PDB file of N, CA and C in Angstrom:
ATOM      1  N   UNK A   1     -61.375  57.678 -47.940  1.00  0.00           N
ATOM      2  CA  UNK A   1     -61.250  56.372 -47.419  1.00  0.00           C
ATOM      3  C   UNK A   1     -59.818  56.058 -47.809  1.00  0.00           C
ATOM      4  N   UNK A   2     -59.252  56.283 -48.851  1.00  0.00           N
ATOM      5  CA  UNK A   2     -57.908  55.995 -49.273  1.00  0.00           C
ATOM      6  C   UNK A   2     -56.928  56.622 -48.285  1.00  0.00           C
ATOM      7  N   UNK A   3     -57.118  57.810 -47.884  1.00  0.00           N
ATOM      8  CA  UNK A   3     -56.206  58.615 -47.030  1.00  0.00           C
ATOM      9  C   UNK A   3     -56.219  57.879 -45.613  1.00  0.00           C
ATOM     10  N   UNK A   4     -57.366  57.256 -45.129  1.00  0.00           N
ATOM     11  CA  UNK A   4     -57.386  56.636 -43.962  1.00  0.00           C
ATOM     12  C   UNK A   4     -56.490  55.338 -43.983  1.00  0.00           C
ATOM     13  N   UNK A   5     -56.640  54.644 -45.185  1.00  0.00           N
ATOM     14  CA  UNK A   5     -55.881  53.401 -45.409  1.00  0.00           C
ATOM     15  C   UNK A   5     -54.433  53.601 -45.456  1.00  0.00           C
ATOM     16  N   UNK A   6     -54.145  54.742 -46.163  1.00  0.00           N
ATOM     17  CA  UNK A   6     -52.676  55.218 -46.258  1.00  0.00           C
ATOM     18  C   UNK A   6     -52.141  55.494 -44.911  1.00  0.00           C
ATOM     19  N   UNK A   7     -52.797  56.151 -44.146  1.00  0.00           N
ATOM     20  CA  UNK A   7     -52.344  56.624 -42.713  1.00  0.00           C
ATOM     21  C   UNK A   7     -52.200  55.303 -41.915  1.00  0.00           C
ATOM     22  N   UNK A   8     -53.136  54.457 -42.008  1.00  0.00           N
ATOM     23  CA  UNK A   8     -53.080  53.105 -41.173  1.00  0.00           C
ATOM     24  C   UNK A   8     -51.765  52.345 -41.710  1.00  0.00           C
ATOM     25  N   UNK A   9     -51.630  52.366 -43.026  1.00  0.00           N
ATOM     26  CA  UNK A   9     -50.371  51.666 -43.473  1.00  0.00           C
ATOM     27  C   UNK A   9     -49.107  52.316 -43.090  1.00  0.00           C
ATOM     28  N   UNK A  10     -49.111  53.707 -43.064  1.00  0.00           N
ATOM     29  CA  UNK A  10     -47.886  54.321 -42.581  1.00  0.00           C
ATOM     30  C   UNK A  10     -47.597  54.269 -41.151  1.00  0.00           C
ATOM     31  N   UNK A  11     -48.824  54.092 -40.271  1.00  0.00           N
ATOM     32  CA  UNK A  11     -48.573  53.872 -38.864  1.00  0.00           C
ATOM     33  C   UNK A  11     -48.067  52.462 -38.581  1.00  0.00           C
ATOM     34  N   UNK A  12     -48.567  51.465 -39.361  1.00  0.00           N
ATOM     35  CA  UNK A  12     -48.115  50.171 -39.145  1.00  0.00           C
ATOM     36  C   UNK A  12     -46.650  49.950 -39.627  1.00  0.00           C
ATOM     37  N   UNK A  13     -46.333  50.592 -40.660  1.00  0.00           N
ATOM     38  CA  UNK A  13     -44.828  50.618 -41.176  1.00  0.00           C
ATOM     39  C   UNK A  13     -44.023  51.320 -40.129  1.00  0.00           C
ATOM     40  N   UNK A  14     -44.377  52.337 -39.565  1.00  0.00           N
ATOM     41  CA  UNK A  14     -43.599  53.078 -38.606  1.00  0.00           C
ATOM     42  C   UNK A  14     -43.327  52.092 -37.355  1.00  0.00           C
ATOM     43  N   UNK A  15     -44.425  51.510 -36.950  1.00  0.00           N
ATOM     44  CA  UNK A  15     -44.220  50.527 -35.748  1.00  0.00           C
ATOM     45  C   UNK A  15     -43.320  49.330 -36.017  1.00  0.00           C
ATOM     46  N   UNK A  16     -43.397  48.872 -37.242  1.00  0.00           N
ATOM     47  CA  UNK A  16     -42.607  47.751 -37.586  1.00  0.00           C
ATOM     48  C   UNK A  16     -41.145  48.282 -37.656  1.00  0.00           C
ATOM     49  N   UNK A  17     -40.943  49.381 -38.293  1.00  0.00           N
ATOM     50  CA  UNK A  17     -39.556  50.049 -38.426  1.00  0.00           C
ATOM     51  C   UNK A  17     -38.918  50.327 -37.113  1.00  0.00           C
ATOM     52  N   UNK A  18     -39.823  50.929 -36.228  1.00  0.00           N
ATOM     53  CA  UNK A  18     -39.164  51.267 -34.832  1.00  0.00           C
ATOM     54  C   UNK A  18     -38.848  50.031 -34.136  1.00  0.00           C
ATOM     55  N   UNK A  19     -39.510  48.875 -34.175  1.00  0.00           N
ATOM     56  CA  UNK A  19     -39.266  47.673 -33.510  1.00  0.00           C
ATOM     57  C   UNK A  19     -38.081  46.994 -34.070  1.00  0.00           C
ATOM     58  N   UNK A  20     -37.980  47.043 -35.458  1.00  0.00           N
ATOM     59  CA  UNK A  20     -36.831  46.554 -36.156  1.00  0.00           C
ATOM     60  C   UNK A  20     -35.509  47.360 -35.650  1.00  0.00           C
ATOM     61  N   UNK A  21     -35.713  48.556 -35.621  1.00  0.00           N
ATOM     62  CA  UNK A  21     -34.452  49.510 -35.214  1.00  0.00           C
ATOM     63  C   UNK A  21     -34.087  49.187 -33.796  1.00  0.00           C
ATOM     64  N   UNK A  22     -35.055  48.900 -32.909  1.00  0.00           N
ATOM     65  CA  UNK A  22     -34.774  48.588 -31.493  1.00  0.00           C
ATOM     66  C   UNK A  22     -33.962  47.250 -31.474  1.00  0.00           C
ATOM     67  N   UNK A  23     -34.487  46.283 -32.252  1.00  0.00           N
ATOM     68  CA  UNK A  23     -33.848  45.026 -32.377  1.00  0.00           C
ATOM     69  C   UNK A  23     -32.451  45.105 -32.859  1.00  0.00           C
ATOM     70  N   UNK A  24     -32.229  45.979 -33.909  1.00  0.00           N
ATOM     71  CA  UNK A  24     -30.828  46.171 -34.434  1.00  0.00           C
ATOM     72  C   UNK A  24     -29.969  46.743 -33.330  1.00  0.00           C
ATOM     73  N   UNK A  25     -30.421  47.729 -32.583  1.00  0.00           N
ATOM     74  CA  UNK A  25     -29.763  48.391 -31.637  1.00  0.00           C
ATOM     75  C   UNK A  25     -29.231  47.444 -30.449  1.00  0.00           C
ATOM     76  N   UNK A  26     -30.141  46.578 -30.017  1.00  0.00           N
ATOM     77  CA  UNK A  26     -29.752  45.540 -29.029  1.00  0.00           C
ATOM     78  C   UNK A  26     -28.759  44.705 -29.626  1.00  0.00           C
ATOM     79  N   UNK A  27     -28.891  44.250 -30.894  1.00  0.00           N
ATOM     80  CA  UNK A  27     -27.930  43.239 -31.382  1.00  0.00           C
ATOM     81  C   UNK A  27     -26.564  43.956 -31.655  1.00  0.00           C
ATOM     82  N   UNK A  28     -26.623  45.193 -31.976  1.00  0.00           N
ATOM     83  CA  UNK A  28     -25.383  45.933 -32.394  1.00  0.00           C
ATOM     84  C   UNK A  28     -24.568  46.421 -31.065  1.00  0.00           C
ATOM     85  N   UNK A  29     -25.339  46.439 -29.956  1.00  0.00           N
ATOM     86  CA  UNK A  29     -24.697  46.825 -28.770  1.00  0.00           C
ATOM     87  C   UNK A  29     -23.777  45.726 -28.085  1.00  0.00           C
ATOM     88  N   UNK A  30     -23.839  44.475 -28.716  1.00  0.00           N
ATOM     89  CA  UNK A  30     -22.970  43.475 -28.294  1.00  0.00           C
ATOM     90  C   UNK A  30     -23.368  42.940 -26.751  1.00  0.00           C
ATOM     91  N   UNK A  31     -24.599  43.122 -26.515  1.00  0.00           N
ATOM     92  CA  UNK A  31     -25.044  42.818 -25.126  1.00  0.00           C
ATOM     93  C   UNK A  31     -25.121  41.319 -24.925  1.00  0.00           C
ATOM     94  N   UNK A  32     -25.015  40.604 -26.153  1.00  0.00           N
ATOM     95  CA  UNK A  32     -25.092  39.088 -26.073  1.00  0.00           C
ATOM     96  C   UNK A  32     -23.776  38.524 -26.691  1.00  0.00           C
ATOM     97  N   UNK A  33     -22.830  39.344 -26.574  1.00  0.00           N
ATOM     98  CA  UNK A  33     -21.490  38.933 -27.238  1.00  0.00           C
ATOM     99  C   UNK A  33     -20.757  37.956 -26.362  1.00  0.00           C
ATOM    100  N   UNK A  34     -20.657  38.058 -25.093  1.00  0.00           N
ATOM    101  CA  UNK A  34     -19.895  37.222 -24.278  1.00  0.00           C
ATOM    102  C   UNK A  34     -20.789  36.354 -23.512  1.00  0.00           C
ATOM    103  N   UNK A  35     -20.417  34.953 -23.481  1.00  0.00           N
ATOM    104  CA  UNK A  35     -21.168  34.065 -22.780  1.00  0.00           C
ATOM    105  C   UNK A  35     -20.815  34.073 -21.302  1.00  0.00           C
ATOM    106  N   UNK A  36     -21.773  34.283 -20.407  1.00  0.00           N
ATOM    107  CA  UNK A  36     -21.519  34.312 -19.000  1.00  0.00           C
ATOM    108  C   UNK A  36     -20.885  33.085 -18.454  1.00  0.00           C
ATOM    109  N   UNK A  37     -20.119  33.210 -17.406  1.00  0.00           N
ATOM    110  CA  UNK A  37     -19.441  31.882 -16.721  1.00  0.00           C
ATOM    111  C   UNK A  37     -20.389  31.121 -15.938  1.00  0.00           C
ATOM    112  N   UNK A  38     -21.368  31.848 -15.216  1.00  0.00           N
ATOM    113  CA  UNK A  38     -22.385  31.112 -14.440  1.00  0.00           C
ATOM    114  C   UNK A  38     -23.367  30.348 -15.339  1.00  0.00           C
ATOM    115  N   UNK A  39     -23.728  29.174 -14.786  1.00  0.00           N
ATOM    116  CA  UNK A  39     -24.623  28.327 -15.530  1.00  0.00           C
ATOM    117  C   UNK A  39     -26.045  28.948 -15.702  1.00  0.00           C
ATOM    118  N   UNK A  40     -26.548  29.592 -14.665  1.00  0.00           N
ATOM    119  CA  UNK A  40     -27.823  30.141 -14.645  1.00  0.00           C
ATOM    120  C   UNK A  40     -27.800  31.430 -15.561  1.00  0.00           C
ATOM    121  N   UNK A  41     -26.728  32.157 -15.544  1.00  0.00           N
ATOM    122  CA  UNK A  41     -26.567  33.374 -16.401  1.00  0.00           C
ATOM    123  C   UNK A  41     -26.563  32.836 -17.792  1.00  0.00           C
ATOM    124  N   UNK A  42     -25.820  31.796 -18.114  1.00  0.00           N
ATOM    125  CA  UNK A  42     -25.627  31.345 -19.443  1.00  0.00           C
ATOM    126  C   UNK A  42     -27.075  30.919 -20.051  1.00  0.00           C
ATOM    127  N   UNK A  43     -27.820  30.269 -19.195  1.00  0.00           N
ATOM    128  CA  UNK A  43     -29.195  29.856 -19.605  1.00  0.00           C
ATOM    129  C   UNK A  43     -29.994  31.154 -19.975  1.00  0.00           C
ATOM    130  N   UNK A  44     -29.940  32.207 -19.093  1.00  0.00           N
ATOM    131  CA  UNK A  44     -30.559  33.284 -19.463  1.00  0.00           C
ATOM    132  C   UNK A  44     -30.158  34.123 -20.749  1.00  0.00           C
ATOM    133  N   UNK A  45     -28.810  33.993 -20.884  1.00  0.00           N
ATOM    134  CA  UNK A  45     -28.210  34.514 -21.960  1.00  0.00           C
ATOM    135  C   UNK A  45     -28.753  33.864 -23.302  1.00  0.00           C
ATOM    136  N   UNK A  46     -28.669  32.473 -23.259  1.00  0.00           N
ATOM    137  CA  UNK A  46     -29.067  31.787 -24.414  1.00  0.00           C
ATOM    138  C   UNK A  46     -30.653  31.918 -24.733  1.00  0.00           C
ATOM    139  N   UNK A  47     -31.407  32.081 -23.566  1.00  0.00           N
ATOM    140  CA  UNK A  47     -32.821  32.306 -23.816  1.00  0.00           C
ATOM    141  C   UNK A  47     -33.079  33.767 -24.436  1.00  0.00           C
ATOM    142  N   UNK A  48     -32.181  34.605 -23.980  1.00  0.00           N
ATOM    143  CA  UNK A  48     -32.294  35.983 -24.570  1.00  0.00           C
ATOM    144  C   UNK A  48     -31.997  35.996 -26.046  1.00  0.00           C
ATOM    145  N   UNK A  49     -30.924  35.287 -26.466  1.00  0.00           N
ATOM    146  CA  UNK A  49     -30.640  35.082 -27.870  1.00  0.00           C
ATOM    147  C   UNK A  49     -31.710  34.541 -28.777  1.00  0.00           C
ATOM    148  N   UNK A  50     -32.283  33.498 -28.072  1.00  0.00           N
ATOM    149  CA  UNK A  50     -33.456  32.739 -28.763  1.00  0.00           C
ATOM    150  C   UNK A  50     -34.614  33.693 -28.844  1.00  0.00           C
ATOM    151  N   UNK A  51     -34.867  34.433 -27.910  1.00  0.00           N
ATOM    152  CA  UNK A  51     -35.994  35.453 -28.009  1.00  0.00           C
ATOM    153  C   UNK A  51     -35.794  36.515 -29.017  1.00  0.00           C
ATOM    154  N   UNK A  52     -34.540  36.945 -29.127  1.00  0.00           N
ATOM    155  CA  UNK A  52     -34.172  37.976 -30.186  1.00  0.00           C
ATOM    156  C   UNK A  52     -34.373  37.380 -31.653  1.00  0.00           C
ATOM    157  N   UNK A  53     -33.940  36.067 -31.724  1.00  0.00           N
ATOM    158  CA  UNK A  53     -34.112  35.441 -33.026  1.00  0.00           C
ATOM    159  C   UNK A  53     -35.615  35.307 -33.339  1.00  0.00           C
ATOM    160  N   UNK A  54     -36.404  34.959 -32.370  1.00  0.00           N
ATOM    161  CA  UNK A  54     -37.945  34.851 -32.610  1.00  0.00           C
ATOM    162  C   UNK A  54     -38.454  36.208 -32.894  1.00  0.00           C
ATOM    163  N   UNK A  55     -38.003  37.265 -32.206  1.00  0.00           N
ATOM    164  CA  UNK A  55     -38.520  38.608 -32.424  1.00  0.00           C
ATOM    165  C   UNK A  55     -38.177  38.958 -33.994  1.00  0.00           C
ATOM    166  N   UNK A  56     -36.961  38.777 -34.500  1.00  0.00           N
ATOM    167  CA  UNK A  56     -36.571  39.058 -35.613  1.00  0.00           C
ATOM    168  C   UNK A  56     -37.446  38.324 -36.719  1.00  0.00           C
ATOM    169  N   UNK A  57     -37.642  37.105 -36.510  1.00  0.00           N
ATOM    170  CA  UNK A  57     -38.482  36.225 -37.488  1.00  0.00           C
ATOM    171  C   UNK A  57     -39.877  36.835 -37.496  1.00  0.00           C
ATOM    172  N   UNK A  58     -40.413  37.191 -36.385  1.00  0.00           N
ATOM    173  CA  UNK A  58     -41.817  37.658 -36.233  1.00  0.00           C
ATOM    174  C   UNK A  58     -41.881  39.083 -37.009  1.00  0.00           C
ATOM    175  N   UNK A  59     -40.958  39.900 -36.806  1.00  0.00           N
ATOM    176  CA  UNK A  59     -40.918  41.187 -37.371  1.00  0.00           C
ATOM    177  C   UNK A  59     -40.966  41.148 -38.983  1.00  0.00           C
ATOM    178  N   UNK A  60     -40.099  40.212 -39.418  1.00  0.00           N
ATOM    179  CA  UNK A  60     -40.038  40.048 -40.862  1.00  0.00           C
ATOM    180  C   UNK A  60     -41.427  39.484 -41.354  1.00  0.00           C
ATOM    181  N   UNK A  61     -42.031  38.713 -40.729  1.00  0.00           N
ATOM    182  CA  UNK A  61     -43.569  38.269 -40.963  1.00  0.00           C
ATOM    183  C   UNK A  61     -44.416  39.329 -41.106  1.00  0.00           C
ATOM    184  N   UNK A  62     -44.307  40.201 -39.897  1.00  0.00           N
ATOM    185  CA  UNK A  62     -45.255  41.370 -39.878  1.00  0.00           C
ATOM    186  C   UNK A  62     -44.956  42.324 -41.063  1.00  0.00           C
ATOM    187  N   UNK A  63     -43.713  42.555 -41.364  1.00  0.00           N
ATOM    188  CA  UNK A  63     -43.302  43.413 -42.474  1.00  0.00           C
ATOM    189  C   UNK A  63     -43.854  42.951 -43.749  1.00  0.00           C
ATOM    190  N   UNK A  64     -43.793  41.730 -44.050  1.00  0.00           N
ATOM    191  CA  UNK A  64     -44.437  41.144 -45.269  1.00  0.00           C
ATOM    192  C   UNK A  64     -45.945  41.349 -45.320  1.00  0.00           C
ATOM    193  N   UNK A  65     -46.617  41.328 -44.206  1.00  0.00           N
ATOM    194  CA  UNK A  65     -48.042  41.374 -44.079  1.00  0.00           C
ATOM    195  C   UNK A  65     -48.402  42.903 -44.344  1.00  0.00           C
ATOM    196  N   UNK A  66     -47.487  43.866 -43.735  1.00  0.00           N
ATOM    197  CA  UNK A  66     -47.843  45.259 -43.894  1.00  0.00           C
ATOM    198  C   UNK A  66     -47.588  45.595 -45.454  1.00  0.00           C
ATOM    199  N   UNK A  67     -46.464  45.085 -45.981  1.00  0.00           N
ATOM    200  CA  UNK A  67     -46.202  45.284 -47.393  1.00  0.00           C
ATOM    201  C   UNK A  67     -47.346  44.840 -48.283  1.00  0.00           C
ATOM    202  N   UNK A  68     -47.873  43.605 -47.850  1.00  0.00           N
ATOM    203  CA  UNK A  68     -49.072  43.158 -48.730  1.00  0.00           C
ATOM    204  C   UNK A  68     -50.255  43.932 -48.727  1.00  0.00           C
ATOM    205  N   UNK A  69     -50.359  44.813 -47.657  1.00  0.00           N
ATOM    206  CA  UNK A  69     -51.606  45.613 -47.582  1.00  0.00           C
ATOM    207  C   UNK A  69     -51.575  46.749 -48.571  1.00  0.00           C
ATOM    208  N   UNK A  70     -50.352  47.183 -48.884  1.00  0.00           N
ATOM    209  CA  UNK A  70     -50.337  48.287 -49.978  1.00  0.00           C
ATOM    210  C   UNK A  70     -48.955  48.124 -50.745  1.00  0.00           C
ATOM    211  N   UNK A  71     -49.135  47.281 -51.802  1.00  0.00           N
ATOM    212  CA  UNK A  71     -47.892  47.159 -52.597  1.00  0.00           C
ATOM    213  C   UNK A  71     -47.100  48.380 -53.091  1.00  0.00           C
ATOM    214  N   UNK A  72     -48.002  49.352 -53.421  1.00  0.00           N
ATOM    215  CA  UNK A  72     -47.340  50.523 -53.981  1.00  0.00           C
ATOM    216  C   UNK A  72     -46.625  51.236 -52.838  1.00  0.00           C
ATOM    217  N   UNK A  73     -47.103  51.356 -51.653  1.00  0.00           N
ATOM    218  CA  UNK A  73     -46.285  51.888 -50.592  1.00  0.00           C
ATOM    219  C   UNK A  73     -45.095  51.150 -50.367  1.00  0.00           C
ATOM    220  N   UNK A  74     -45.179  49.725 -50.508  1.00  0.00           N
ATOM    221  CA  UNK A  74     -43.994  48.849 -50.159  1.00  0.00           C
ATOM    222  C   UNK A  74     -42.950  49.139 -51.280  1.00  0.00           C
ATOM    223  N   UNK A  75     -43.280  49.402 -52.442  1.00  0.00           N
ATOM    224  CA  UNK A  75     -42.482  49.706 -53.499  1.00  0.00           C
ATOM    225  C   UNK A  75     -41.676  51.097 -53.269  1.00  0.00           C
ATOM    226  N   UNK A  76     -42.420  52.009 -52.735  1.00  0.00           N
ATOM    227  CA  UNK A  76     -41.874  53.370 -52.430  1.00  0.00           C
ATOM    228  C   UNK A  76     -40.790  53.220 -51.316  1.00  0.00           C
ATOM    229  N   UNK A  77     -40.973  52.328 -50.383  1.00  0.00           N
ATOM    230  CA  UNK A  77     -40.079  52.130 -49.223  1.00  0.00           C
ATOM    231  C   UNK A  77     -38.858  51.572 -49.640  1.00  0.00           C
ATOM    232  N   UNK A  78     -38.940  50.596 -50.678  1.00  0.00           N
ATOM    233  CA  UNK A  78     -37.761  49.856 -51.226  1.00  0.00           C
ATOM    234  C   UNK A  78     -36.943  50.877 -52.052  1.00  0.00           C
ATOM    235  N   UNK A  79     -37.637  51.740 -52.738  1.00  0.00           N
ATOM    236  CA  UNK A  79     -36.841  52.571 -53.790  1.00  0.00           C
ATOM    237  C   UNK A  79     -36.268  53.737 -53.099  1.00  0.00           C
TER     238      UNK A  79
END
């Protein structure tokens, strides 16, 4: 049973790590660096930045929940 829980934790951790890496890649690519001149494009730009911020917050919350499932595994990930 512990092996199953360990595998579940590992899969959850992998999913959060992949999503976090994707978010980092989007932010690092400077896709949202320049504010568009067109008002409609600016609105979309601002909405995209807002959504990236929400996603980042949500991933941190999920990561905390995943870590709480197995504190020993979370300690291994930090070390």
